N, C-alpha and C. Protein backbone atom coordinates (compact mmCIF):
# COMPACT_ATOMS: atom_id res chain seq x y z
N UNK A 1 -22.43 -47.21 -44.64
CA UNK A 1 -23.44 -46.37 -45.15
C UNK A 1 -23.22 -46.02 -46.60
N UNK A 2 -24.14 -46.25 -47.44
CA UNK A 2 -24.05 -45.90 -48.88
C UNK A 2 -24.71 -44.60 -49.04
N UNK A 3 -24.02 -43.64 -49.73
CA UNK A 3 -24.67 -42.40 -50.05
C UNK A 3 -24.65 -42.30 -51.53
N UNK A 4 -25.76 -42.22 -52.23
CA UNK A 4 -25.94 -42.06 -53.65
C UNK A 4 -26.25 -40.61 -54.00
N UNK A 5 -25.51 -40.04 -55.11
CA UNK A 5 -25.80 -38.75 -55.48
C UNK A 5 -26.40 -38.78 -56.89
N UNK A 6 -27.09 -37.79 -57.33
CA UNK A 6 -27.68 -37.74 -58.66
C UNK A 6 -26.60 -37.78 -59.78
N UNK A 7 -25.58 -36.88 -59.28
CA UNK A 7 -24.49 -36.50 -60.40
C UNK A 7 -23.05 -36.89 -59.85
N UNK A 8 -22.22 -36.89 -60.71
CA UNK A 8 -20.72 -37.35 -60.29
C UNK A 8 -19.83 -36.19 -60.68
N UNK A 9 -18.60 -36.21 -60.10
CA UNK A 9 -17.55 -35.26 -60.33
C UNK A 9 -17.30 -35.52 -62.01
N UNK A 10 -17.13 -34.36 -62.79
CA UNK A 10 -16.87 -34.47 -64.13
C UNK A 10 -18.14 -34.38 -65.02
N UNK A 11 -19.30 -34.54 -64.36
CA UNK A 11 -20.63 -34.41 -65.20
C UNK A 11 -20.94 -32.89 -65.51
N UNK A 12 -21.41 -32.61 -66.62
CA UNK A 12 -21.76 -31.27 -67.07
C UNK A 12 -23.15 -31.03 -66.73
N UNK A 13 -23.61 -30.21 -65.88
CA UNK A 13 -24.96 -30.07 -65.40
C UNK A 13 -25.42 -28.56 -65.58
N UNK A 14 -26.60 -28.43 -65.39
CA UNK A 14 -27.40 -27.06 -65.60
C UNK A 14 -27.97 -26.57 -64.12
N UNK A 15 -27.90 -25.34 -63.85
CA UNK A 15 -28.22 -24.69 -62.57
C UNK A 15 -28.47 -23.15 -62.83
N UNK A 16 -29.04 -22.63 -61.87
CA UNK A 16 -29.21 -21.12 -62.01
C UNK A 16 -28.06 -20.45 -61.17
N UNK A 17 -27.55 -19.42 -61.66
CA UNK A 17 -26.65 -18.54 -60.94
C UNK A 17 -27.10 -17.15 -61.29
N UNK A 18 -27.49 -16.29 -60.26
CA UNK A 18 -27.73 -14.89 -60.51
C UNK A 18 -28.96 -14.76 -61.50
N UNK A 19 -29.83 -15.79 -61.34
CA UNK A 19 -31.05 -15.89 -62.32
C UNK A 19 -30.73 -16.17 -63.85
N UNK A 20 -29.53 -16.66 -63.97
CA UNK A 20 -29.04 -17.06 -65.41
C UNK A 20 -28.85 -18.52 -65.35
N UNK A 21 -29.40 -19.32 -66.41
CA UNK A 21 -29.00 -20.68 -66.62
C UNK A 21 -27.49 -20.78 -66.94
N UNK A 22 -26.88 -21.71 -66.15
CA UNK A 22 -25.43 -21.99 -66.48
C UNK A 22 -25.17 -23.52 -66.55
N UNK A 23 -24.19 -23.75 -67.47
CA UNK A 23 -23.81 -25.20 -67.65
C UNK A 23 -22.34 -25.28 -67.25
N UNK A 24 -21.99 -26.22 -66.36
CA UNK A 24 -20.58 -26.29 -65.98
C UNK A 24 -20.38 -27.72 -65.44
N UNK A 25 -19.14 -28.08 -65.50
CA UNK A 25 -18.67 -29.38 -65.04
C UNK A 25 -18.58 -29.46 -63.52
N UNK A 26 -19.14 -30.47 -62.78
CA UNK A 26 -18.92 -30.58 -61.35
C UNK A 26 -17.43 -31.02 -61.02
N UNK A 27 -16.86 -30.19 -60.03
CA UNK A 27 -15.39 -30.32 -59.68
C UNK A 27 -15.32 -30.94 -58.31
N UNK A 28 -16.37 -31.06 -57.54
CA UNK A 28 -16.44 -31.63 -56.16
C UNK A 28 -17.88 -31.84 -55.64
N UNK A 29 -17.96 -32.65 -54.67
CA UNK A 29 -19.22 -32.94 -54.13
C UNK A 29 -19.08 -33.04 -52.63
N UNK A 30 -19.91 -32.07 -51.89
CA UNK A 30 -19.91 -32.05 -50.49
C UNK A 30 -21.14 -32.84 -49.99
N UNK A 31 -20.91 -33.69 -48.87
CA UNK A 31 -22.01 -34.41 -48.38
C UNK A 31 -21.99 -34.28 -46.77
N UNK A 32 -23.08 -33.89 -46.23
CA UNK A 32 -23.25 -33.83 -44.72
C UNK A 32 -24.42 -34.69 -44.26
N UNK A 33 -24.15 -35.46 -43.29
CA UNK A 33 -24.99 -36.41 -42.66
C UNK A 33 -25.17 -36.09 -41.16
N UNK A 34 -26.37 -35.74 -40.75
CA UNK A 34 -26.51 -35.53 -39.25
C UNK A 34 -27.46 -36.59 -38.82
N UNK A 35 -27.10 -37.44 -37.95
CA UNK A 35 -27.79 -38.48 -37.35
C UNK A 35 -28.45 -39.38 -38.52
N UNK A 36 -29.85 -39.35 -38.31
CA UNK A 36 -30.58 -40.26 -39.24
C UNK A 36 -31.27 -39.45 -40.29
N UNK A 37 -30.99 -38.11 -40.50
CA UNK A 37 -31.59 -37.27 -41.47
C UNK A 37 -31.06 -37.65 -42.89
N UNK A 38 -31.78 -37.12 -43.78
CA UNK A 38 -31.49 -37.31 -45.16
C UNK A 38 -30.06 -36.65 -45.35
N UNK A 39 -29.27 -37.19 -46.15
CA UNK A 39 -27.89 -36.54 -46.43
C UNK A 39 -28.14 -35.28 -47.29
N UNK A 40 -27.37 -34.27 -46.82
CA UNK A 40 -27.43 -32.85 -47.60
C UNK A 40 -26.23 -32.88 -48.54
N UNK A 41 -26.49 -32.70 -49.87
CA UNK A 41 -25.51 -32.80 -51.00
C UNK A 41 -25.37 -31.48 -51.63
N UNK A 42 -24.25 -31.03 -51.87
CA UNK A 42 -23.92 -29.85 -52.62
C UNK A 42 -22.94 -30.23 -53.62
N UNK A 43 -23.08 -29.53 -54.86
CA UNK A 43 -21.99 -29.78 -55.92
C UNK A 43 -21.14 -28.41 -55.91
N UNK A 44 -19.85 -28.62 -56.24
CA UNK A 44 -18.93 -27.54 -56.28
C UNK A 44 -18.58 -27.26 -57.82
N UNK A 45 -18.27 -26.23 -58.23
CA UNK A 45 -17.69 -25.87 -59.58
C UNK A 45 -16.64 -24.86 -59.41
N UNK A 46 -15.76 -24.89 -60.52
CA UNK A 46 -14.56 -23.90 -60.45
C UNK A 46 -14.96 -22.44 -60.37
N UNK A 47 -15.87 -21.99 -61.07
CA UNK A 47 -16.15 -20.51 -61.05
C UNK A 47 -17.45 -20.04 -60.47
N UNK A 48 -18.23 -21.05 -59.96
CA UNK A 48 -19.57 -20.70 -59.29
C UNK A 48 -19.67 -21.23 -57.93
N UNK A 49 -20.34 -20.56 -57.09
CA UNK A 49 -20.51 -21.04 -55.66
C UNK A 49 -21.15 -22.42 -55.61
N UNK A 50 -21.03 -23.25 -54.55
CA UNK A 50 -21.67 -24.62 -54.45
C UNK A 50 -23.24 -24.39 -54.75
N UNK A 51 -23.82 -25.48 -55.22
CA UNK A 51 -25.30 -25.48 -55.50
C UNK A 51 -25.85 -26.70 -54.86
N UNK A 52 -27.02 -26.61 -54.23
CA UNK A 52 -27.71 -27.76 -53.48
C UNK A 52 -28.13 -28.75 -54.59
N UNK A 53 -28.10 -30.07 -54.37
CA UNK A 53 -28.45 -31.06 -55.18
C UNK A 53 -29.78 -31.00 -55.96
N UNK A 54 -30.75 -30.42 -55.28
CA UNK A 54 -32.15 -30.33 -55.82
C UNK A 54 -32.22 -29.28 -56.69
N UNK A 55 -31.24 -28.29 -56.94
CA UNK A 55 -31.20 -27.25 -57.92
C UNK A 55 -30.33 -27.60 -59.02
N UNK A 56 -29.77 -28.70 -59.23
CA UNK A 56 -28.86 -29.03 -60.25
C UNK A 56 -29.57 -30.02 -61.16
N UNK A 57 -29.46 -29.98 -62.51
CA UNK A 57 -30.19 -30.73 -63.36
C UNK A 57 -29.29 -31.19 -64.65
N UNK A 58 -29.54 -32.43 -65.18
CA UNK A 58 -28.75 -33.01 -66.22
C UNK A 58 -28.91 -32.14 -67.46
N UNK A 59 -30.01 -31.45 -67.79
CA UNK A 59 -30.26 -30.73 -69.05
C UNK A 59 -30.74 -29.42 -68.83
N UNK A 60 -30.63 -28.46 -69.81
CA UNK A 60 -31.36 -27.34 -69.80
C UNK A 60 -32.86 -27.41 -69.73
N UNK A 61 -33.32 -28.39 -70.42
CA UNK A 61 -34.71 -28.66 -70.48
C UNK A 61 -35.26 -29.00 -69.19
N UNK A 62 -34.59 -29.95 -68.31
CA UNK A 62 -35.07 -30.24 -67.09
C UNK A 62 -35.19 -28.91 -66.27
N UNK A 63 -34.12 -28.06 -66.19
CA UNK A 63 -33.95 -26.86 -65.46
C UNK A 63 -35.21 -25.92 -65.83
N UNK A 64 -35.41 -25.64 -67.12
CA UNK A 64 -36.63 -24.95 -67.53
C UNK A 64 -37.96 -25.44 -66.92
N UNK A 65 -38.02 -26.70 -67.11
CA UNK A 65 -39.17 -27.36 -66.61
C UNK A 65 -39.52 -27.11 -65.08
N UNK A 66 -38.40 -27.20 -64.30
CA UNK A 66 -38.37 -27.15 -62.89
C UNK A 66 -38.70 -25.53 -62.52
N UNK A 67 -38.07 -24.59 -63.27
CA UNK A 67 -38.38 -23.25 -62.89
C UNK A 67 -39.73 -22.70 -63.47
N UNK A 68 -40.34 -23.42 -64.32
CA UNK A 68 -41.60 -22.96 -64.88
C UNK A 68 -42.82 -23.48 -64.14
N UNK A 69 -42.52 -24.18 -63.00
CA UNK A 69 -43.65 -24.80 -62.23
C UNK A 69 -44.41 -23.68 -61.46
């Protein structure tokens, strides 16, 4: 089984933490697969709680575009 993630360990990404935009490097990736369902991916950071893959973005502009929908 191949599992592809949007980001890799060491990538600097943007996400919301306590309603504030944060930029941080990914220190770990958690993947959970149950049966034939879509893999659940979370990214880990040194000083922030894990964040779901769908809430992590490559740029601040992508994050702003997502939250302004």
